C-alpha atoms as a PDB file:
ATOM      1  CA  UNK A   1     109.804 -22.224 -91.307  1.00  0.00           C
ATOM      2  CA  UNK A   2     108.206 -24.748 -93.685  1.00  0.00           C
ATOM      3  CA  UNK A   3     110.530 -25.431 -96.587  1.00  0.00           C
ATOM      4  CA  UNK A   4     108.453 -27.959 -98.499  1.00  0.00           C
ATOM      5  CA  UNK A   5     105.005 -27.173 -99.871  1.00  0.00           C
ATOM      6  CA  UNK A   6     102.798 -30.130-100.758  1.00  0.00           C
ATOM      7  CA  UNK A   7      99.417 -29.547-102.348  1.00  0.00           C
ATOM      8  CA  UNK A   8      96.512 -31.419-103.775  1.00  0.00           C
ATOM      9  CA  UNK A   9      95.305 -30.208-107.175  1.00  0.00           C
ATOM     10  CA  UNK A  10      91.544 -30.422-107.783  1.00  0.00           C
ATOM     11  CA  UNK A  11      89.605 -28.357-105.279  1.00  0.00           C
ATOM     12  CA  UNK A  12      92.831 -26.995-103.831  1.00  0.00           C
ATOM     13  CA  UNK A  13      95.559 -25.625-106.099  1.00  0.00           C
ATOM     14  CA  UNK A  14      93.554 -25.610-109.328  1.00  0.00           C
ATOM     15  CA  UNK A  15      90.771 -23.085-109.792  1.00  0.00           C
ATOM     16  CA  UNK A  16      87.128 -23.768-110.577  1.00  0.00           C
ATOM     17  CA  UNK A  17      88.068 -24.357-114.243  1.00  0.00           C
ATOM     18  CA  UNK A  18      90.624 -27.008-113.174  1.00  0.00           C
ATOM     19  CA  UNK A  19      93.500 -24.781-114.221  1.00  0.00           C
ATOM     20  CA  UNK A  20      96.392 -23.035-112.486  1.00  0.00           C
ATOM     21  CA  UNK A  21      95.425 -19.413-111.914  1.00  0.00           C
ATOM     22  CA  UNK A  22      97.835 -16.593-112.709  1.00  0.00           C
ATOM     23  CA  UNK A  23      98.341 -15.640-109.055  1.00  0.00           C
ATOM     24  CA  UNK A  24      99.016 -19.265-108.146  1.00  0.00           C
ATOM     25  CA  UNK A  25     101.655 -19.496-110.860  1.00  0.00           C
ATOM     26  CA  UNK A  26     103.299 -16.236-109.812  1.00  0.00           C
ATOM     27  CA  UNK A  27     103.496 -17.060-106.113  1.00  0.00           C
ATOM     28  CA  UNK A  28     104.668 -20.651-106.500  1.00  0.00           C
ATOM     29  CA  UNK A  29     107.305 -19.749-109.079  1.00  0.00           C
ATOM     30  CA  UNK A  30     108.623 -17.058-106.725  1.00  0.00           C
ATOM     31  CA  UNK A  31     108.817 -19.529-103.829  1.00  0.00           C
ATOM     32  CA  UNK A  32     110.529 -22.177-105.951  1.00  0.00           C
ATOM     33  CA  UNK A  33     113.014 -19.503-107.011  1.00  0.00           C
ATOM     34  CA  UNK A  34     113.731 -18.829-103.312  1.00  0.00           C
ATOM     35  CA  UNK A  35     114.527 -22.474-102.654  1.00  0.00           C
ATOM     36  CA  UNK A  36     111.239 -23.953-101.494  1.00  0.00           C
ATOM     37  CA  UNK A  37     110.543 -27.526-102.552  1.00  0.00           C
ATOM     38  CA  UNK A  38     107.162 -28.029-104.209  1.00  0.00           C
ATOM     39  CA  UNK A  39     105.441 -31.418-104.282  1.00  0.00           C
ATOM     40  CA  UNK A  40     102.179 -31.944-106.153  1.00  0.00           C
ATOM     41  CA  UNK A  41     100.087 -34.772-104.708  1.00  0.00           C
ATOM     42  CA  UNK A  42      96.948 -35.842-106.533  1.00  0.00           C
ATOM     43  CA  UNK A  43      94.670 -38.673-107.458  1.00  0.00           C
ATOM     44  CA  UNK A  44      95.433 -37.733-111.043  1.00  0.00           C
ATOM     45  CA  UNK A  45      97.735 -39.712-113.321  1.00  0.00           C
ATOM     46  CA  UNK A  46     101.435 -38.836-113.413  1.00  0.00           C
ATOM     47  CA  UNK A  47     101.240 -37.755-117.063  1.00  0.00           C
ATOM     48  CA  UNK A  48      98.523 -35.298-116.082  1.00  0.00           C
ATOM     49  CA  UNK A  49     100.282 -33.903-113.001  1.00  0.00           C
ATOM     50  CA  UNK A  50     103.537 -33.534-114.910  1.00  0.00           C
ATOM     51  CA  UNK A  51     102.000 -30.827-117.094  1.00  0.00           C
ATOM     52  CA  UNK A  52     101.226 -28.674-114.049  1.00  0.00           C
ATOM     53  CA  UNK A  53     104.636 -29.386-112.517  1.00  0.00           C
ATOM     54  CA  UNK A  54     106.395 -28.183-115.657  1.00  0.00           C
ATOM     55  CA  UNK A  55     104.418 -24.946-115.590  1.00  0.00           C
ATOM     56  CA  UNK A  56     105.489 -24.397-111.966  1.00  0.00           C
ATOM     57  CA  UNK A  57     109.087 -25.624-112.330  1.00  0.00           C
ATOM     58  CA  UNK A  58     108.303 -28.006-109.444  1.00  0.00           C
ATOM     59  CA  UNK A  59     111.553 -29.391-108.080  1.00  0.00           C
ATOM     60  CA  UNK A  60     110.468 -31.951-105.532  1.00  0.00           C
ATOM     61  CA  UNK A  61     108.606 -35.131-106.430  1.00  0.00           C
ATOM     62  CA  UNK A  62     105.258 -35.834-108.033  1.00  0.00           C
ATOM     63  CA  UNK A  63     102.831 -38.022-106.095  1.00  0.00           C
ATOM     64  CA  UNK A  64     100.179 -39.471-108.385  1.00  0.00           C
ATOM     65  CA  UNK A  65      97.281 -41.918-108.236  1.00  0.00           C
ATOM     66  CA  UNK A  66      96.792 -41.047-104.553  1.00  0.00           C
ATOM     67  CA  UNK A  67     100.305 -42.212-103.726  1.00  0.00           C
ATOM     68  CA  UNK A  68     100.452 -45.360-105.841  1.00  0.00           C
ATOM     69  CA  UNK A  69     103.337 -43.795-107.791  1.00  0.00           C
ATOM     70  CA  UNK A  70     106.114 -41.303-107.049  1.00  0.00           C
ATOM     71  CA  UNK A  71     108.263 -39.703-109.775  1.00  0.00           C
ATOM     72  CA  UNK A  72     111.212 -37.345-109.509  1.00  0.00           C
ATOM     73  CA  UNK A  73     111.497 -34.011-111.285  1.00  0.00           C
ATOM     74  CA  UNK A  74     112.937 -35.705-114.386  1.00  0.00           C
ATOM     75  CA  UNK A  75     109.962 -38.039-114.602  1.00  0.00           C
ATOM     76  CA  UNK A  76     111.815 -41.111-113.369  1.00  0.00           C
ATOM     77  CA  UNK A  77     109.717 -43.570-111.394  1.00  0.00           C
ATOM     78  CA  UNK A  78     110.934 -43.768-107.789  1.00  0.00           C
ATOM     79  CA  UNK A  79     108.242 -45.937-106.264  1.00  0.00           C
ATOM     80  CA  UNK A  80     105.037 -47.654-107.254  1.00  0.00           C
ATOM     81  CA  UNK A  81     102.587 -49.956-105.528  1.00  0.00           C
ATOM     82  CA  UNK A  82     100.106 -51.555-107.942  1.00  0.00           C
ATOM     83  CA  UNK A  83      96.921 -53.407-107.073  1.00  0.00           C
ATOM     84  CA  UNK A  84      97.340 -57.171-106.743  1.00  0.00           C
ATOM     85  CA  UNK A  85      96.600 -58.632-110.162  1.00  0.00           C
ATOM     86  CA  UNK A  86      94.158 -61.213-108.824  1.00  0.00           C
ATOM     87  CA  UNK A  87      91.917 -58.420-107.483  1.00  0.00           C
ATOM     88  CA  UNK A  88      91.354 -56.985-110.940  1.00  0.00           C
ATOM     89  CA  UNK A  89      88.892 -59.533-112.279  1.00  0.00           C
ATOM     90  CA  UNK A  90      86.407 -58.453-109.624  1.00  0.00           C
ATOM     91  CA  UNK A  91      87.167 -54.727-109.809  1.00  0.00           C
ATOM     92  CA  UNK A  92      86.988 -54.512-113.614  1.00  0.00           C
ATOM     93  CA  UNK A  93      84.613 -57.246-114.746  1.00  0.00           C
ATOM     94  CA  UNK A  94      82.075 -57.995-112.039  1.00  0.00           C
ATOM     95  CA  UNK A  95      78.478 -57.069-113.048  1.00  0.00           C
ATOM     96  CA  UNK A  96      78.213 -55.202-109.750  1.00  0.00           C
ATOM     97  CA  UNK A  97      79.998 -52.282-111.452  1.00  0.00           C
ATOM     98  CA  UNK A  98      77.934 -52.207-114.653  1.00  0.00           C
ATOM     99  CA  UNK A  99      75.960 -49.127-113.566  1.00  0.00           C
ATOM    100  CA  UNK A 100      79.025 -46.941-112.945  1.00  0.00           C
ATOM    101  CA  UNK A 101      81.813 -45.717-115.216  1.00  0.00           C
ATOM    102  CA  UNK A 102      84.981 -47.722-114.578  1.00  0.00           C
ATOM    103  CA  UNK A 103      88.463 -46.279-115.160  1.00  0.00           C
ATOM    104  CA  UNK A 104      91.962 -47.764-114.958  1.00  0.00           C
ATOM    105  CA  UNK A 105      95.262 -45.995-114.368  1.00  0.00           C
ATOM    106  CA  UNK A 106      98.369 -47.897-115.434  1.00  0.00           C
ATOM    107  CA  UNK A 107     101.892 -46.478-115.483  1.00  0.00           C
ATOM    108  CA  UNK A 108     101.548 -45.014-118.955  1.00  0.00           C
ATOM    109  CA  UNK A 109      97.867 -44.659-119.695  1.00  0.00           C
ATOM    110  CA  UNK A 110      94.260 -44.139-118.622  1.00  0.00           C
ATOM    111  CA  UNK A 111      91.836 -46.768-119.881  1.00  0.00           C
ATOM    112  CA  UNK A 112      88.033 -46.910-119.974  1.00  0.00           C
ATOM    113  CA  UNK A 113      85.612 -49.366-121.513  1.00  0.00           C
ATOM    114  CA  UNK A 114      83.258 -46.618-122.700  1.00  0.00           C
ATOM    115  CA  UNK A 115      83.440 -42.859-123.258  1.00  0.00           C
ATOM    116  CA  UNK A 116      82.513 -40.365-120.541  1.00  0.00           C
ATOM    117  CA  UNK A 117      83.169 -36.829-121.859  1.00  0.00           C
ATOM    118  CA  UNK A 118      82.428 -35.183-118.497  1.00  0.00           C
ATOM    119  CA  UNK A 119      85.641 -36.626-117.090  1.00  0.00           C
ATOM    120  CA  UNK A 120      87.722 -34.924-119.771  1.00  0.00           C
ATOM    121  CA  UNK A 121      86.640 -31.507-118.469  1.00  0.00           C
ATOM    122  CA  UNK A 122      89.106 -31.955-115.583  1.00  0.00           C
ATOM    123  CA  UNK A 123      92.061 -32.389-117.937  1.00  0.00           C
ATOM    124  CA  UNK A 124      91.760 -29.540-120.424  1.00  0.00           C
ATOM    125  CA  UNK A 125      95.002 -27.841-119.374  1.00  0.00           C
ATOM    126  CA  UNK A 126      97.122 -30.989-119.670  1.00  0.00           C
ATOM    127  CA  UNK A 127      95.264 -32.586-122.564  1.00  0.00           C
ATOM    128  CA  UNK A 128      95.558 -35.969-120.862  1.00  0.00           C
ATOM    129  CA  UNK A 129      92.788 -38.276-122.092  1.00  0.00           C
ATOM    130  CA  UNK A 130      91.565 -41.821-121.778  1.00  0.00           C
ATOM    131  CA  UNK A 131      91.718 -44.601-124.334  1.00  0.00           C
ATOM    132  CA  UNK A 132      88.817 -46.983-124.820  1.00  0.00           C
ATOM    133  CA  UNK A 133      89.699 -50.643-124.312  1.00  0.00           C
ATOM    134  CA  UNK A 134      87.933 -53.918-123.673  1.00  0.00           C
ATOM    135  CA  UNK A 135      88.702 -54.707-120.029  1.00  0.00           C
ATOM    136  CA  UNK A 136      88.256 -58.406-120.744  1.00  0.00           C
ATOM    137  CA  UNK A 137      91.270 -58.259-123.057  1.00  0.00           C
ATOM    138  CA  UNK A 138      93.728 -56.267-120.922  1.00  0.00           C
ATOM    139  CA  UNK A 139      97.272 -57.553-120.657  1.00  0.00           C
ATOM    140  CA  UNK A 140      99.079 -58.071-117.355  1.00  0.00           C
ATOM    141  CA  UNK A 141     100.587 -54.573-117.101  1.00  0.00           C
ATOM    142  CA  UNK A 142     100.326 -53.434-113.452  1.00  0.00           C
ATOM    143  CA  UNK A 143      97.319 -51.305-112.487  1.00  0.00           C
ATOM    144  CA  UNK A 144      97.964 -48.437-110.083  1.00  0.00           C
ATOM    145  CA  UNK A 145      94.380 -47.365-109.509  1.00  0.00           C
ATOM    146  CA  UNK A 146      90.835 -48.267-110.456  1.00  0.00           C
ATOM    147  CA  UNK A 147      88.180 -45.614-110.047  1.00  0.00           C
ATOM    148  CA  UNK A 148      84.452 -45.434-110.531  1.00  0.00           C
ATOM    149  CA  UNK A 149      82.508 -42.357-111.591  1.00  0.00           C
ATOM    150  CA  UNK A 150      78.811 -41.929-110.843  1.00  0.00           C
ATOM    151  CA  UNK A 151      76.530 -39.048-109.949  1.00  0.00           C
ATOM    152  CA  UNK A 152      74.710 -41.515-107.664  1.00  0.00           C
ATOM    153  CA  UNK A 153      76.777 -41.068-104.489  1.00  0.00           C
ATOM    154  CA  UNK A 154      74.741 -43.621-102.546  1.00  0.00           C
ATOM    155  CA  UNK A 155      75.520 -46.234-105.200  1.00  0.00           C
ATOM    156  CA  UNK A 156      79.250 -45.551-104.857  1.00  0.00           C
ATOM    157  CA  UNK A 157      78.991 -45.939-101.097  1.00  0.00           C
ATOM    158  CA  UNK A 158      77.319 -49.328-101.547  1.00  0.00           C
ATOM    159  CA  UNK A 159      80.015 -50.377-103.992  1.00  0.00           C
ATOM    160  CA  UNK A 160      82.708 -49.323-101.534  1.00  0.00           C
ATOM    161  CA  UNK A 161      81.162 -51.611 -98.929  1.00  0.00           C
ATOM    162  CA  UNK A 162      81.031 -54.481-101.428  1.00  0.00           C
ATOM    163  CA  UNK A 163      84.676 -53.970-102.370  1.00  0.00           C
ATOM    164  CA  UNK A 164      85.793 -54.167 -98.756  1.00  0.00           C
ATOM    165  CA  UNK A 165      83.598 -57.200 -98.141  1.00  0.00           C
ATOM    166  CA  UNK A 166      85.071 -59.022-101.139  1.00  0.00           C
ATOM    167  CA  UNK A 167      88.717 -57.916-100.972  1.00  0.00           C
ATOM    168  CA  UNK A 168      88.991 -57.311 -97.210  1.00  0.00           C
ATOM    169  CA  UNK A 169      92.462 -55.978 -96.361  1.00  0.00           C
ATOM    170  CA  UNK A 170      93.923 -56.153 -99.872  1.00  0.00           C
ATOM    171  CA  UNK A 171      92.865 -52.718-101.108  1.00  0.00           C
ATOM    172  CA  UNK A 172      92.420 -49.143 -99.922  1.00  0.00           C
ATOM    173  CA  UNK A 173      89.478 -47.001-100.972  1.00  0.00           C
ATOM    174  CA  UNK A 174      89.067 -43.252-100.947  1.00  0.00           C
ATOM    175  CA  UNK A 175      87.320 -40.420-102.784  1.00  0.00           C
ATOM    176  CA  UNK A 176      88.956 -37.613-104.750  1.00  0.00           C
ATOM    177  CA  UNK A 177      85.474 -36.161-105.324  1.00  0.00           C
ATOM    178  CA  UNK A 178      82.127 -37.251-103.901  1.00  0.00           C
ATOM    179  CA  UNK A 179      81.292 -38.724-107.315  1.00  0.00           C
ATOM    180  CA  UNK A 180      84.586 -40.611-107.757  1.00  0.00           C
ATOM    181  CA  UNK A 181      85.329 -43.755-105.722  1.00  0.00           C
ATOM    182  CA  UNK A 182      88.982 -44.767-105.996  1.00  0.00           C
ATOM    183  CA  UNK A 183      90.654 -48.107-105.275  1.00  0.00           C
ATOM    184  CA  UNK A 184      94.383 -48.653-104.731  1.00  0.00           C
ATOM    185  CA  UNK A 185      96.538 -51.343-103.158  1.00  0.00           C
ATOM    186  CA  UNK A 186      96.371 -51.691 -99.396  1.00  0.00           C
ATOM    187  CA  UNK A 187      98.538 -49.090 -97.640  1.00  0.00           C
ATOM    188  CA  UNK A 188      98.612 -46.636-100.533  1.00  0.00           C
ATOM    189  CA  UNK A 189      97.913 -43.010 -99.605  1.00  0.00           C
ATOM    190  CA  UNK A 190      99.274 -39.564-100.249  1.00  0.00           C
ATOM    191  CA  UNK A 191     100.551 -39.596 -96.676  1.00  0.00           C
ATOM    192  CA  UNK A 192     102.599 -42.746 -97.217  1.00  0.00           C
ATOM    193  CA  UNK A 193     104.005 -41.320-100.446  1.00  0.00           C
ATOM    194  CA  UNK A 194     104.829 -38.023 -98.741  1.00  0.00           C
ATOM    195  CA  UNK A 195     106.700 -39.862 -95.968  1.00  0.00           C
ATOM    196  CA  UNK A 196     108.776 -41.672 -98.597  1.00  0.00           C
ATOM    197  CA  UNK A 197     109.439 -38.377-100.372  1.00  0.00           C
ATOM    198  CA  UNK A 198     110.561 -36.620 -97.184  1.00  0.00           C
ATOM    199  CA  UNK A 199     112.950 -39.468 -96.406  1.00  0.00           C
ATOM    200  CA  UNK A 200     114.422 -39.210 -99.898  1.00  0.00           C
ATOM    201  CA  UNK A 201     114.841 -35.423 -99.642  1.00  0.00           C
ATOM    202  CA  UNK A 202     116.003 -35.565 -95.996  1.00  0.00           C
ATOM    203  CA  UNK A 203     113.313 -33.136 -94.886  1.00  0.00           C
ATOM    204  CA  UNK A 204     111.406 -33.490 -91.617  1.00  0.00           C
ATOM    205  CA  UNK A 205     107.624 -33.401 -91.447  1.00  0.00           C
ATOM    206  CA  UNK A 206     107.897 -30.255 -89.298  1.00  0.00           C
ATOM    207  CA  UNK A 207     109.295 -28.426 -92.333  1.00  0.00           C
ATOM    208  CA  UNK A 208     106.229 -29.207 -94.452  1.00  0.00           C
ATOM    209  CA  UNK A 209     103.035 -27.297 -95.075  1.00  0.00           C
ATOM    210  CA  UNK A 210     100.238 -29.221 -96.772  1.00  0.00           C
ATOM    211  CA  UNK A 211      97.048 -28.093 -98.492  1.00  0.00           C
ATOM    212  CA  UNK A 212      94.027 -30.240 -99.294  1.00  0.00           C
ATOM    213  CA  UNK A 213      90.260 -30.468 -99.533  1.00  0.00           C
ATOM    214  CA  UNK A 214      89.239 -34.112 -99.788  1.00  0.00           C
ATOM    215  CA  UNK A 215      89.159 -37.512 -98.195  1.00  0.00           C
ATOM    216  CA  UNK A 216      92.222 -38.606-100.152  1.00  0.00           C
ATOM    217  CA  UNK A 217      94.230 -35.790 -98.518  1.00  0.00           C
ATOM    218  CA  UNK A 218      93.744 -36.667 -94.856  1.00  0.00           C
ATOM    219  CA  UNK A 219      96.853 -38.832 -94.326  1.00  0.00           C
ATOM    220  CA  UNK A 220      99.013 -36.208 -96.039  1.00  0.00           C
ATOM    221  CA  UNK A 221      97.532 -33.400 -93.962  1.00  0.00           C
ATOM    222  CA  UNK A 222      98.023 -35.333 -90.730  1.00  0.00           C
ATOM    223  CA  UNK A 223     101.693 -35.956 -91.503  1.00  0.00           C
ATOM    224  CA  UNK A 224     102.619 -32.340 -92.282  1.00  0.00           C
ATOM    225  CA  UNK A 225     103.919 -30.050 -89.567  1.00  0.00           C
ATOM    226  CA  UNK A 226     101.559 -27.312 -90.793  1.00  0.00           C
ATOM    227  CA  UNK A 227      98.322 -27.820 -92.654  1.00  0.00           C
ATOM    228  CA  UNK A 228      95.546 -25.780 -94.220  1.00  0.00           C
ATOM    229  CA  UNK A 229      92.158 -26.957 -95.436  1.00  0.00           C
ATOM    230  CA  UNK A 230      90.166 -25.268 -98.161  1.00  0.00           C
ATOM    231  CA  UNK A 231      86.867 -23.524 -97.380  1.00  0.00           C
ATOM    232  CA  UNK A 232      85.284 -25.744-100.047  1.00  0.00           C
ATOM    233  CA  UNK A 233      86.481 -28.916 -98.305  1.00  0.00           C
ATOM    234  CA  UNK A 234      84.010 -31.532 -97.125  1.00  0.00           C
ATOM    235  CA  UNK A 235      82.700 -30.789 -93.607  1.00  0.00           C
ATOM    236  CA  UNK A 236      83.888 -34.151 -92.283  1.00  0.00           C
ATOM    237  CA  UNK A 237      87.502 -33.292 -93.240  1.00  0.00           C
ATOM    238  CA  UNK A 238      87.323 -30.070 -91.240  1.00  0.00           C
ATOM    239  CA  UNK A 239      85.861 -32.029 -88.321  1.00  0.00           C
ATOM    240  CA  UNK A 240      88.570 -34.699 -88.588  1.00  0.00           C
ATOM    241  CA  UNK A 241      91.346 -32.073 -88.417  1.00  0.00           C
ATOM    242  CA  UNK A 242      89.983 -29.425 -86.028  1.00  0.00           C
ATOM    243  CA  UNK A 243      93.429 -27.875 -85.461  1.00  0.00           C
ATOM    244  CA  UNK A 244      93.983 -27.233 -89.170  1.00  0.00           C
ATOM    245  CA  UNK A 245      93.508 -23.704 -90.409  1.00  0.00           C
ATOM    246  CA  UNK A 246      90.623 -23.252 -92.840  1.00  0.00           C
ATOM    247  CA  UNK A 247      91.519 -20.833 -95.629  1.00  0.00           C
ATOM    248  CA  UNK A 248      89.565 -19.569 -98.647  1.00  0.00           C
ATOM    249  CA  UNK A 249      88.362 -21.567-101.614  1.00  0.00           C
ATOM    250  CA  UNK A 250      90.223 -22.868-104.630  1.00  0.00           C
ATOM    251  CA  UNK A 251      88.147 -20.519-106.803  1.00  0.00           C
ATOM    252  CA  UNK A 252      89.763 -17.618-104.913  1.00  0.00           C
ATOM    253  CA  UNK A 253      93.263 -19.080-105.359  1.00  0.00           C
ATOM    254  CA  UNK A 254      93.432 -19.238-101.568  1.00  0.00           C
ATOM    255  CA  UNK A 255      96.581 -21.386-101.480  1.00  0.00           C
ATOM    256  CA  UNK A 256      98.475 -18.676-103.346  1.00  0.00           C
ATOM    257  CA  UNK A 257      97.047 -15.993-101.061  1.00  0.00           C
ATOM    258  CA  UNK A 258      98.090 -17.936 -97.957  1.00  0.00           C
ATOM    259  CA  UNK A 259     101.604 -18.615 -99.236  1.00  0.00           C
ATOM    260  CA  UNK A 260     102.073 -15.019-100.311  1.00  0.00           C
ATOM    261  CA  UNK A 261     101.019 -13.655 -96.914  1.00  0.00           C
ATOM    262  CA  UNK A 262     102.847 -16.205 -94.738  1.00  0.00           C
ATOM    263  CA  UNK A 263     106.000 -16.865 -96.755  1.00  0.00           C
ATOM    264  CA  UNK A 264     106.567 -14.600 -99.727  1.00  0.00           C
ATOM    265  CA  UNK A 265     105.744 -11.247 -98.127  1.00  0.00           C
ATOM    266  CA  UNK A 266     107.337 -12.113 -94.779  1.00  0.00           C
ATOM    267  CA  UNK A 267     110.588 -13.325 -96.299  1.00  0.00           C
ATOM    268  CA  UNK A 268     111.319 -11.001 -99.237  1.00  0.00           C
END
């Protein structure tokens, strides 16, 4: 039986309003009460994820910034892997990125050079928000993730190619949403962070069930002994993991439904 539940947030555990639904809260709290470990794994910032973890009394670890940081249940940093500092001049200041909205996650904050209110819609439950800063004047505090927002998906794909051409094997790129291109240090992924978490908790991958919907979930899903993909997931993710069960959508709170049917109701 899987004893650790690891789940993505947006498009997976959170509903269409980017909030935890009542059924999701009820089921996960019941499973935590029965001894299941719960790990939240997201591209979101730790400060943002922590709000949801507190609601759910999550007792495992929190994987944030697509695996660039891992915190324990008390909020202590266990591991982080920032982007090499000499990559940042290109990622933050090159004119190539002038037509997209650039964002920076550091350990304690979310920085932008200009406002983009649409991004704040994802963070209404936590209240986590960006601060506007001049990227040319940033100090040397480590950067965990840089991400670019644009409704022009083709532009993001071209930028991804340019990033790999310029920085070669020094960074990893992924997408949390089709309109959000994310850049982390080479080797960073939710899967790598989950492996570190399992080693710390002395839990085998066979005891894990993972839920996800996006490109940034694939390494995590591959590692888990059991995996389920959301109905709203990108078609390529379903094709990449043909053995994974496809469940309902996040709008239907399908993760909670699955956990209730397979774990809560079967093991009262």
